[in-house]
């Protein structure tokens, strides 16, 4: 059986449409003997609509106080990050053009962009497409380059659920770029069943990752603690195609931490 010991894509109540706390998610991971949990709440208009009058950092304090999190909790290595929306065909991520014009005082008195403030203490970032009206009429090559540009951001480690983005792109070119940058393509559990089921597309992407030698991550995309570390569909998909364990960055915490340290700017 393919060993998976890390869930690198989960959400807490900060994401508004999720239902569990950080500790509830950690306990769920510990119960299933997972070694590592990444908390990656949405950094997106889904949480706070874009505003034209400036950004209030008080709305983003969840991302600004990571230093209080224990590194290991209930025996699980705990990592902090975010799932940032890709917002245009240039591959920019949410908050890149939103100046922070009001600080909180003390260590939070930044004068840069919202993205820089939020990414500053993230261990890693997942870049994902959710709403994509901005891509209407885009060519396959434009979407391909959009994903590659997102991967090139120093904090981005993972492209999230590209199998269900609804966009057409050159899978081999994106996977090769991820490989060359030392970054990861996500096999997203919630994309393999239920209302998001795009398992055929995800299978194709996994096959191309294996063909070009691109490493993958595994994320439940859990929005409630019950789903944390439950990666049965992901494991079944990878096992059914004989996916090489050496290309699974989440096979153990040591491997994932090594990939993260090598690929992500601190």
C-alpha atoms as a PDB file:
ATOM      1  CA  UNK A   1       0.000   0.000   0.000  1.00  0.00           C
ATOM      2  CA  UNK A   2       1.246   3.462  -0.890  1.00  0.00           C
ATOM      3  CA  UNK A   3       2.166   5.241   2.326  1.00  0.00           C
ATOM      4  CA  UNK A   4       0.771   8.755   2.716  1.00  0.00           C
ATOM      5  CA  UNK A   5       1.610  10.600   5.927  1.00  0.00           C
ATOM      6  CA  UNK A   6       0.970  14.269   5.131  1.00  0.00           C
ATOM      7  CA  UNK A   7      -2.178  16.235   4.433  1.00  0.00           C
ATOM      8  CA  UNK A   8      -0.970  19.525   2.999  1.00  0.00           C
ATOM      9  CA  UNK A   9      -4.282  21.191   2.097  1.00  0.00           C
ATOM     10  CA  UNK A  10      -6.876  21.814   4.841  1.00  0.00           C
ATOM     11  CA  UNK A  11      -9.154  24.629   5.959  1.00  0.00           C
ATOM     12  CA  UNK A  12     -10.373  25.980   9.298  1.00  0.00           C
ATOM     13  CA  UNK A  13     -13.187  28.260  10.376  1.00  0.00           C
ATOM     14  CA  UNK A  14     -11.200  31.243   9.097  1.00  0.00           C
ATOM     15  CA  UNK A  15     -12.213  30.186   5.585  1.00  0.00           C
ATOM     16  CA  UNK A  16     -15.839  30.945   6.531  1.00  0.00           C
ATOM     17  CA  UNK A  17     -17.300  27.980   4.638  1.00  0.00           C
ATOM     18  CA  UNK A  18     -15.264  25.519   6.745  1.00  0.00           C
ATOM     19  CA  UNK A  19     -16.305  24.238  10.142  1.00  0.00           C
ATOM     20  CA  UNK A  20     -13.384  23.124  12.334  1.00  0.00           C
ATOM     21  CA  UNK A  21     -10.609  24.735  14.350  1.00  0.00           C
ATOM     22  CA  UNK A  22      -6.881  24.225  13.912  1.00  0.00           C
ATOM     23  CA  UNK A  23      -6.742  21.919  16.932  1.00  0.00           C
ATOM     24  CA  UNK A  24      -9.727  19.858  15.788  1.00  0.00           C
ATOM     25  CA  UNK A  25      -7.943  19.301  12.476  1.00  0.00           C
ATOM     26  CA  UNK A  26      -4.671  18.433  14.212  1.00  0.00           C
ATOM     27  CA  UNK A  27      -6.419  15.903  16.435  1.00  0.00           C
ATOM     28  CA  UNK A  28      -8.073  14.336  13.386  1.00  0.00           C
ATOM     29  CA  UNK A  29      -4.681  13.961  11.701  1.00  0.00           C
ATOM     30  CA  UNK A  30      -3.188  12.469  14.864  1.00  0.00           C
ATOM     31  CA  UNK A  31      -5.995   9.902  15.140  1.00  0.00           C
ATOM     32  CA  UNK A  32      -5.086   8.621  11.674  1.00  0.00           C
ATOM     33  CA  UNK A  33      -1.373   8.607  12.562  1.00  0.00           C
ATOM     34  CA  UNK A  34      -0.452  11.304  10.066  1.00  0.00           C
ATOM     35  CA  UNK A  35       2.934  12.910  10.573  1.00  0.00           C
ATOM     36  CA  UNK A  36       2.292  16.361   9.110  1.00  0.00           C
ATOM     37  CA  UNK A  37      -0.642  18.711   8.634  1.00  0.00           C
ATOM     38  CA  UNK A  38      -0.683  21.880   6.573  1.00  0.00           C
ATOM     39  CA  UNK A  39      -3.334  24.474   7.408  1.00  0.00           C
ATOM     40  CA  UNK A  40      -3.967  26.429   4.223  1.00  0.00           C
ATOM     41  CA  UNK A  41      -6.947  28.710   4.632  1.00  0.00           C
ATOM     42  CA  UNK A  42      -8.285  30.674   1.703  1.00  0.00           C
ATOM     43  CA  UNK A  43      -6.521  33.927   0.821  1.00  0.00           C
ATOM     44  CA  UNK A  44      -9.183  35.004  -1.586  1.00  0.00           C
ATOM     45  CA  UNK A  45     -12.235  37.182  -2.223  1.00  0.00           C
ATOM     46  CA  UNK A  46     -14.197  34.185  -0.889  1.00  0.00           C
ATOM     47  CA  UNK A  47     -13.129  35.260   2.607  1.00  0.00           C
ATOM     48  CA  UNK A  48     -13.091  39.033   2.288  1.00  0.00           C
ATOM     49  CA  UNK A  49     -14.365  40.682  -0.895  1.00  0.00           C
ATOM     50  CA  UNK A  50     -11.904  42.911  -2.686  1.00  0.00           C
ATOM     51  CA  UNK A  51     -12.168  46.489  -1.579  1.00  0.00           C
ATOM     52  CA  UNK A  52     -11.304  49.703  -3.330  1.00  0.00           C
ATOM     53  CA  UNK A  53     -10.689  51.842  -0.258  1.00  0.00           C
ATOM     54  CA  UNK A  54      -7.691  50.042   1.171  1.00  0.00           C
ATOM     55  CA  UNK A  55      -7.040  46.913   3.184  1.00  0.00           C
ATOM     56  CA  UNK A  56      -7.662  46.555   6.891  1.00  0.00           C
ATOM     57  CA  UNK A  57      -5.144  44.079   8.286  1.00  0.00           C
ATOM     58  CA  UNK A  58      -7.510  43.264  11.118  1.00  0.00           C
ATOM     59  CA  UNK A  59      -9.384  41.081   8.616  1.00  0.00           C
ATOM     60  CA  UNK A  60      -6.255  38.967   8.061  1.00  0.00           C
ATOM     61  CA  UNK A  61      -4.857  38.513  11.563  1.00  0.00           C
ATOM     62  CA  UNK A  62      -5.223  34.734  11.195  1.00  0.00           C
ATOM     63  CA  UNK A  63      -2.164  34.859   8.904  1.00  0.00           C
ATOM     64  CA  UNK A  64      -0.228  37.383  10.986  1.00  0.00           C
ATOM     65  CA  UNK A  65       0.185  35.530  14.276  1.00  0.00           C
ATOM     66  CA  UNK A  66       1.540  32.154  13.175  1.00  0.00           C
ATOM     67  CA  UNK A  67       4.361  32.380  15.710  1.00  0.00           C
ATOM     68  CA  UNK A  68       1.986  31.254  18.470  1.00  0.00           C
ATOM     69  CA  UNK A  69       1.388  27.893  16.743  1.00  0.00           C
ATOM     70  CA  UNK A  70       3.379  24.977  18.146  1.00  0.00           C
ATOM     71  CA  UNK A  71       5.594  23.287  15.576  1.00  0.00           C
ATOM     72  CA  UNK A  72       4.426  19.899  16.809  1.00  0.00           C
ATOM     73  CA  UNK A  73       0.975  19.405  18.316  1.00  0.00           C
ATOM     74  CA  UNK A  74      -0.500  16.089  19.442  1.00  0.00           C
ATOM     75  CA  UNK A  75       2.474  14.468  17.750  1.00  0.00           C
ATOM     76  CA  UNK A  76       1.753  16.072  14.358  1.00  0.00           C
ATOM     77  CA  UNK A  77       4.148  18.449  12.618  1.00  0.00           C
ATOM     78  CA  UNK A  78       2.035  21.553  12.036  1.00  0.00           C
ATOM     79  CA  UNK A  79       2.691  23.864   9.102  1.00  0.00           C
ATOM     80  CA  UNK A  80       1.062  27.151   8.267  1.00  0.00           C
ATOM     81  CA  UNK A  81       0.259  28.418   4.842  1.00  0.00           C
ATOM     82  CA  UNK A  82      -2.573  29.612   2.680  1.00  0.00           C
ATOM     83  CA  UNK A  83      -4.424  28.747  -0.493  1.00  0.00           C
ATOM     84  CA  UNK A  84      -4.105  31.857  -2.629  1.00  0.00           C
ATOM     85  CA  UNK A  85      -6.306  32.507  -5.638  1.00  0.00           C
ATOM     86  CA  UNK A  86      -4.704  33.049  -9.019  1.00  0.00           C
ATOM     87  CA  UNK A  87      -6.425  36.215 -10.186  1.00  0.00           C
ATOM     88  CA  UNK A  88      -5.301  36.937 -13.754  1.00  0.00           C
ATOM     89  CA  UNK A  89      -3.630  35.490 -16.838  1.00  0.00           C
ATOM     90  CA  UNK A  90      -0.261  36.832 -15.681  1.00  0.00           C
ATOM     91  CA  UNK A  91      -0.393  34.356 -12.800  1.00  0.00           C
ATOM     92  CA  UNK A  92      -0.616  36.987 -10.091  1.00  0.00           C
ATOM     93  CA  UNK A  93      -1.942  35.838  -6.726  1.00  0.00           C
ATOM     94  CA  UNK A  94      -4.608  37.524  -4.639  1.00  0.00           C
ATOM     95  CA  UNK A  95      -3.426  40.619  -2.796  1.00  0.00           C
ATOM     96  CA  UNK A  96      -0.486  41.348  -5.071  1.00  0.00           C
ATOM     97  CA  UNK A  97      -1.815  44.778  -6.006  1.00  0.00           C
ATOM     98  CA  UNK A  98      -3.561  45.675  -2.749  1.00  0.00           C
ATOM     99  CA  UNK A  99      -1.507  48.143  -0.706  1.00  0.00           C
ATOM    100  CA  UNK A 100      -1.643  47.873   3.045  1.00  0.00           C
ATOM    101  CA  UNK A 101      -2.376  51.414   4.112  1.00  0.00           C
ATOM    102  CA  UNK A 102      -3.451  50.707   7.684  1.00  0.00           C
ATOM    103  CA  UNK A 103      -1.319  48.732  10.113  1.00  0.00           C
ATOM    104  CA  UNK A 104      -2.156  47.312  13.493  1.00  0.00           C
ATOM    105  CA  UNK A 105       0.781  48.928  15.253  1.00  0.00           C
ATOM    106  CA  UNK A 106       3.804  47.139  16.668  1.00  0.00           C
ATOM    107  CA  UNK A 107       5.001  44.226  14.547  1.00  0.00           C
ATOM    108  CA  UNK A 108       2.001  44.548  12.210  1.00  0.00           C
ATOM    109  CA  UNK A 109       2.702  48.073  10.990  1.00  0.00           C
ATOM    110  CA  UNK A 110       3.640  47.046   7.446  1.00  0.00           C
ATOM    111  CA  UNK A 111       3.604  49.383   4.483  1.00  0.00           C
ATOM    112  CA  UNK A 112       3.726  46.826   1.673  1.00  0.00           C
ATOM    113  CA  UNK A 113       1.085  44.821  -0.182  1.00  0.00           C
ATOM    114  CA  UNK A 114      -1.454  42.577   1.472  1.00  0.00           C
ATOM    115  CA  UNK A 115       0.098  39.600  -0.291  1.00  0.00           C
ATOM    116  CA  UNK A 116       3.544  40.353   1.141  1.00  0.00           C
ATOM    117  CA  UNK A 117       2.097  40.765   4.640  1.00  0.00           C
ATOM    118  CA  UNK A 118       0.185  37.462   4.467  1.00  0.00           C
ATOM    119  CA  UNK A 119       2.884  35.417   2.744  1.00  0.00           C
ATOM    120  CA  UNK A 120       5.646  36.679   5.034  1.00  0.00           C
ATOM    121  CA  UNK A 121       5.284  33.923   7.643  1.00  0.00           C
ATOM    122  CA  UNK A 122       3.720  31.187   5.527  1.00  0.00           C
ATOM    123  CA  UNK A 123       5.741  27.996   5.305  1.00  0.00           C
ATOM    124  CA  UNK A 124       4.323  27.562   1.818  1.00  0.00           C
ATOM    125  CA  UNK A 125       1.510  28.712  -0.446  1.00  0.00           C
ATOM    126  CA  UNK A 126      -0.907  26.715  -2.590  1.00  0.00           C
ATOM    127  CA  UNK A 127      -1.854  28.563  -5.790  1.00  0.00           C
ATOM    128  CA  UNK A 128      -5.321  27.659  -7.074  1.00  0.00           C
ATOM    129  CA  UNK A 129      -7.957  28.797  -9.527  1.00  0.00           C
ATOM    130  CA  UNK A 130     -11.500  29.192  -8.231  1.00  0.00           C
ATOM    131  CA  UNK A 131     -13.577  31.842  -9.996  1.00  0.00           C
ATOM    132  CA  UNK A 132     -12.005  32.539 -13.377  1.00  0.00           C
ATOM    133  CA  UNK A 133     -14.105  34.980 -15.368  1.00  0.00           C
ATOM    134  CA  UNK A 134     -10.819  36.766 -16.058  1.00  0.00           C
ATOM    135  CA  UNK A 135      -9.747  33.775 -18.213  1.00  0.00           C
ATOM    136  CA  UNK A 136     -12.707  33.925 -20.568  1.00  0.00           C
ATOM    137  CA  UNK A 137     -11.440  33.671 -24.131  1.00  0.00           C
ATOM    138  CA  UNK A 138      -7.900  32.827 -23.085  1.00  0.00           C
ATOM    139  CA  UNK A 139      -5.822  30.546 -25.270  1.00  0.00           C
ATOM    140  CA  UNK A 140      -4.379  27.246 -24.114  1.00  0.00           C
ATOM    141  CA  UNK A 141      -0.896  28.761 -24.169  1.00  0.00           C
ATOM    142  CA  UNK A 142      -1.997  31.740 -22.076  1.00  0.00           C
ATOM    143  CA  UNK A 143      -3.435  29.459 -19.391  1.00  0.00           C
ATOM    144  CA  UNK A 144      -0.315  27.294 -19.479  1.00  0.00           C
ATOM    145  CA  UNK A 145       1.902  30.311 -18.926  1.00  0.00           C
ATOM    146  CA  UNK A 146      -0.432  31.576 -16.195  1.00  0.00           C
ATOM    147  CA  UNK A 147       0.144  28.409 -14.188  1.00  0.00           C
ATOM    148  CA  UNK A 148       3.890  28.517 -14.787  1.00  0.00           C
ATOM    149  CA  UNK A 149       4.114  32.138 -13.658  1.00  0.00           C
ATOM    150  CA  UNK A 150       2.201  31.290 -10.493  1.00  0.00           C
ATOM    151  CA  UNK A 151       4.667  28.472  -9.805  1.00  0.00           C
ATOM    152  CA  UNK A 152       7.533  30.918 -10.159  1.00  0.00           C
ATOM    153  CA  UNK A 153       6.432  32.920  -7.118  1.00  0.00           C
ATOM    154  CA  UNK A 154       9.056  32.254  -4.408  1.00  0.00           C
ATOM    155  CA  UNK A 155       6.452  31.283  -1.794  1.00  0.00           C
ATOM    156  CA  UNK A 156       4.357  28.986  -3.984  1.00  0.00           C
ATOM    157  CA  UNK A 157       5.096  25.302  -3.445  1.00  0.00           C
ATOM    158  CA  UNK A 158       1.945  23.618  -4.787  1.00  0.00           C
ATOM    159  CA  UNK A 159      -0.507  24.087  -7.644  1.00  0.00           C
ATOM    160  CA  UNK A 160      -3.867  23.199  -6.123  1.00  0.00           C
ATOM    161  CA  UNK A 161      -6.603  21.070  -7.740  1.00  0.00           C
ATOM    162  CA  UNK A 162      -5.656  21.856 -11.330  1.00  0.00           C
ATOM    163  CA  UNK A 163      -7.776  18.904 -12.425  1.00  0.00           C
ATOM    164  CA  UNK A 164     -10.980  20.768 -11.654  1.00  0.00           C
ATOM    165  CA  UNK A 165     -10.080  24.317 -12.606  1.00  0.00           C
ATOM    166  CA  UNK A 166     -12.135  24.064 -15.794  1.00  0.00           C
ATOM    167  CA  UNK A 167      -9.283  25.601 -17.801  1.00  0.00           C
ATOM    168  CA  UNK A 168      -7.453  24.049 -20.727  1.00  0.00           C
ATOM    169  CA  UNK A 169      -3.660  24.019 -20.550  1.00  0.00           C
ATOM    170  CA  UNK A 170      -0.627  22.000 -21.608  1.00  0.00           C
ATOM    171  CA  UNK A 171      -0.325  19.515 -18.757  1.00  0.00           C
ATOM    172  CA  UNK A 172       3.146  18.302 -19.753  1.00  0.00           C
ATOM    173  CA  UNK A 173       4.525  21.837 -19.913  1.00  0.00           C
ATOM    174  CA  UNK A 174       3.126  22.770 -16.490  1.00  0.00           C
ATOM    175  CA  UNK A 175       4.330  19.520 -14.902  1.00  0.00           C
ATOM    176  CA  UNK A 176       7.794  19.958 -16.401  1.00  0.00           C
ATOM    177  CA  UNK A 177       7.966  23.509 -15.064  1.00  0.00           C
ATOM    178  CA  UNK A 178       6.988  22.304 -11.590  1.00  0.00           C
ATOM    179  CA  UNK A 179       9.661  19.594 -11.795  1.00  0.00           C
ATOM    180  CA  UNK A 180      12.345  22.061 -12.860  1.00  0.00           C
ATOM    181  CA  UNK A 181      11.403  24.479 -10.081  1.00  0.00           C
ATOM    182  CA  UNK A 182      11.323  21.698  -7.465  1.00  0.00           C
ATOM    183  CA  UNK A 183       7.638  22.328  -6.839  1.00  0.00           C
ATOM    184  CA  UNK A 184       4.557  20.130  -6.620  1.00  0.00           C
ATOM    185  CA  UNK A 185       1.336  19.309  -8.425  1.00  0.00           C
ATOM    186  CA  UNK A 186      -1.472  18.455  -6.031  1.00  0.00           C
ATOM    187  CA  UNK A 187      -3.559  15.305  -6.202  1.00  0.00           C
ATOM    188  CA  UNK A 188      -6.629  16.715  -4.520  1.00  0.00           C
ATOM    189  CA  UNK A 189      -8.839  14.240  -2.671  1.00  0.00           C
ATOM    190  CA  UNK A 190     -12.026  16.293  -2.949  1.00  0.00           C
ATOM    191  CA  UNK A 191     -11.611  16.405  -6.742  1.00  0.00           C
ATOM    192  CA  UNK A 192     -11.992  12.620  -6.972  1.00  0.00           C
ATOM    193  CA  UNK A 193     -15.546  12.176  -5.732  1.00  0.00           C
ATOM    194  CA  UNK A 194     -18.813  13.971  -5.023  1.00  0.00           C
ATOM    195  CA  UNK A 195     -19.782  17.236  -6.654  1.00  0.00           C
ATOM    196  CA  UNK A 196     -16.214  18.087  -7.662  1.00  0.00           C
ATOM    197  CA  UNK A 197     -15.554  14.696  -9.277  1.00  0.00           C
ATOM    198  CA  UNK A 198     -13.031  15.197 -12.067  1.00  0.00           C
ATOM    199  CA  UNK A 199     -11.232  11.904 -11.492  1.00  0.00           C
ATOM    200  CA  UNK A 200     -10.536  11.185 -15.171  1.00  0.00           C
ATOM    201  CA  UNK A 201      -8.828  14.534 -15.601  1.00  0.00           C
ATOM    202  CA  UNK A 202      -6.911  14.076 -12.348  1.00  0.00           C
ATOM    203  CA  UNK A 203      -5.779  10.611 -13.453  1.00  0.00           C
ATOM    204  CA  UNK A 204      -4.436  12.082 -16.685  1.00  0.00           C
ATOM    205  CA  UNK A 205      -2.545  14.766 -14.774  1.00  0.00           C
ATOM    206  CA  UNK A 206      -1.068  12.182 -12.403  1.00  0.00           C
ATOM    207  CA  UNK A 207       0.054  10.068 -15.363  1.00  0.00           C
ATOM    208  CA  UNK A 208       1.781  13.031 -16.927  1.00  0.00           C
ATOM    209  CA  UNK A 209       3.468  13.900 -13.606  1.00  0.00           C
ATOM    210  CA  UNK A 210       4.870  10.390 -13.508  1.00  0.00           C
ATOM    211  CA  UNK A 211       5.950  10.556 -17.143  1.00  0.00           C
ATOM    212  CA  UNK A 212       7.912  13.799 -16.750  1.00  0.00           C
ATOM    213  CA  UNK A 213       9.190  13.060 -13.241  1.00  0.00           C
ATOM    214  CA  UNK A 214       7.249  15.740 -11.394  1.00  0.00           C
ATOM    215  CA  UNK A 215       6.615  15.235  -7.688  1.00  0.00           C
ATOM    216  CA  UNK A 216       3.084  15.442  -6.300  1.00  0.00           C
ATOM    217  CA  UNK A 217       1.512  16.420  -3.001  1.00  0.00           C
ATOM    218  CA  UNK A 218      -1.619  14.976  -1.432  1.00  0.00           C
ATOM    219  CA  UNK A 219      -4.287  17.210   0.070  1.00  0.00           C
ATOM    220  CA  UNK A 220      -7.693  16.356   1.441  1.00  0.00           C
ATOM    221  CA  UNK A 221      -8.945  19.928   0.916  1.00  0.00           C
ATOM    222  CA  UNK A 222     -10.875  19.219   4.107  1.00  0.00           C
ATOM    223  CA  UNK A 223     -13.380  21.822   5.212  1.00  0.00           C
ATOM    224  CA  UNK A 224     -14.319  19.860   8.345  1.00  0.00           C
ATOM    225  CA  UNK A 225     -12.132  17.814  10.663  1.00  0.00           C
ATOM    226  CA  UNK A 226     -13.862  14.545   9.724  1.00  0.00           C
ATOM    227  CA  UNK A 227     -12.231  14.752   6.279  1.00  0.00           C
ATOM    228  CA  UNK A 228      -8.706  15.590   7.447  1.00  0.00           C
ATOM    229  CA  UNK A 229      -6.090  12.974   6.476  1.00  0.00           C
ATOM    230  CA  UNK A 230      -8.680  10.891   4.640  1.00  0.00           C
ATOM    231  CA  UNK A 231      -6.961  10.283   1.313  1.00  0.00           C
ATOM    232  CA  UNK A 232      -8.452   6.957   0.231  1.00  0.00           C
ATOM    233  CA  UNK A 233      -9.406   8.098  -3.263  1.00  0.00           C
ATOM    234  CA  UNK A 234      -6.002   9.667  -3.772  1.00  0.00           C
ATOM    235  CA  UNK A 235      -4.209   6.532  -2.641  1.00  0.00           C
ATOM    236  CA  UNK A 236      -6.411   4.343  -4.844  1.00  0.00           C
ATOM    237  CA  UNK A 237      -5.785   6.549  -7.871  1.00  0.00           C
ATOM    238  CA  UNK A 238      -2.017   6.540  -7.436  1.00  0.00           C
ATOM    239  CA  UNK A 239      -1.796   2.844  -6.633  1.00  0.00           C
ATOM    240  CA  UNK A 240      -3.926   1.889  -9.628  1.00  0.00           C
ATOM    241  CA  UNK A 241      -1.407   3.424 -12.006  1.00  0.00           C
ATOM    242  CA  UNK A 242       1.688   2.199 -10.187  1.00  0.00           C
ATOM    243  CA  UNK A 243       2.695   5.748  -9.300  1.00  0.00           C
ATOM    244  CA  UNK A 244       6.276   5.849  -8.058  1.00  0.00           C
ATOM    245  CA  UNK A 245       6.526   6.457  -4.314  1.00  0.00           C
ATOM    246  CA  UNK A 246       9.700   8.472  -4.860  1.00  0.00           C
ATOM    247  CA  UNK A 247       7.593  11.109  -6.642  1.00  0.00           C
ATOM    248  CA  UNK A 248       5.172  11.444  -3.714  1.00  0.00           C
ATOM    249  CA  UNK A 249       6.472  14.309  -1.607  1.00  0.00           C
ATOM    250  CA  UNK A 250       3.910  13.588   1.110  1.00  0.00           C
ATOM    251  CA  UNK A 251       4.924   9.980   1.752  1.00  0.00           C
ATOM    252  CA  UNK A 252       6.458  11.145   5.038  1.00  0.00           C
ATOM    253  CA  UNK A 253       7.067  14.389   6.873  1.00  0.00           C
ATOM    254  CA  UNK A 254      10.814  14.339   6.327  1.00  0.00           C
ATOM    255  CA  UNK A 255      10.431  14.219   2.560  1.00  0.00           C
ATOM    256  CA  UNK A 256       7.844  16.979   2.437  1.00  0.00           C
ATOM    257  CA  UNK A 257       9.835  19.245   4.739  1.00  0.00           C
ATOM    258  CA  UNK A 258      12.916  18.712   2.593  1.00  0.00           C
ATOM    259  CA  UNK A 259      11.067  19.612  -0.600  1.00  0.00           C
ATOM    260  CA  UNK A 260       9.527  22.659   1.061  1.00  0.00           C
ATOM    261  CA  UNK A 261      12.852  23.899   2.423  1.00  0.00           C
ATOM    262  CA  UNK A 262      14.558  23.506  -0.953  1.00  0.00           C
ATOM    263  CA  UNK A 263      11.817  25.153  -3.010  1.00  0.00           C
ATOM    264  CA  UNK A 264      10.278  27.942  -0.935  1.00  0.00           C
ATOM    265  CA  UNK A 265      11.900  31.256  -0.115  1.00  0.00           C
ATOM    266  CA  UNK A 266      11.853  32.060   3.576  1.00  0.00           C
END
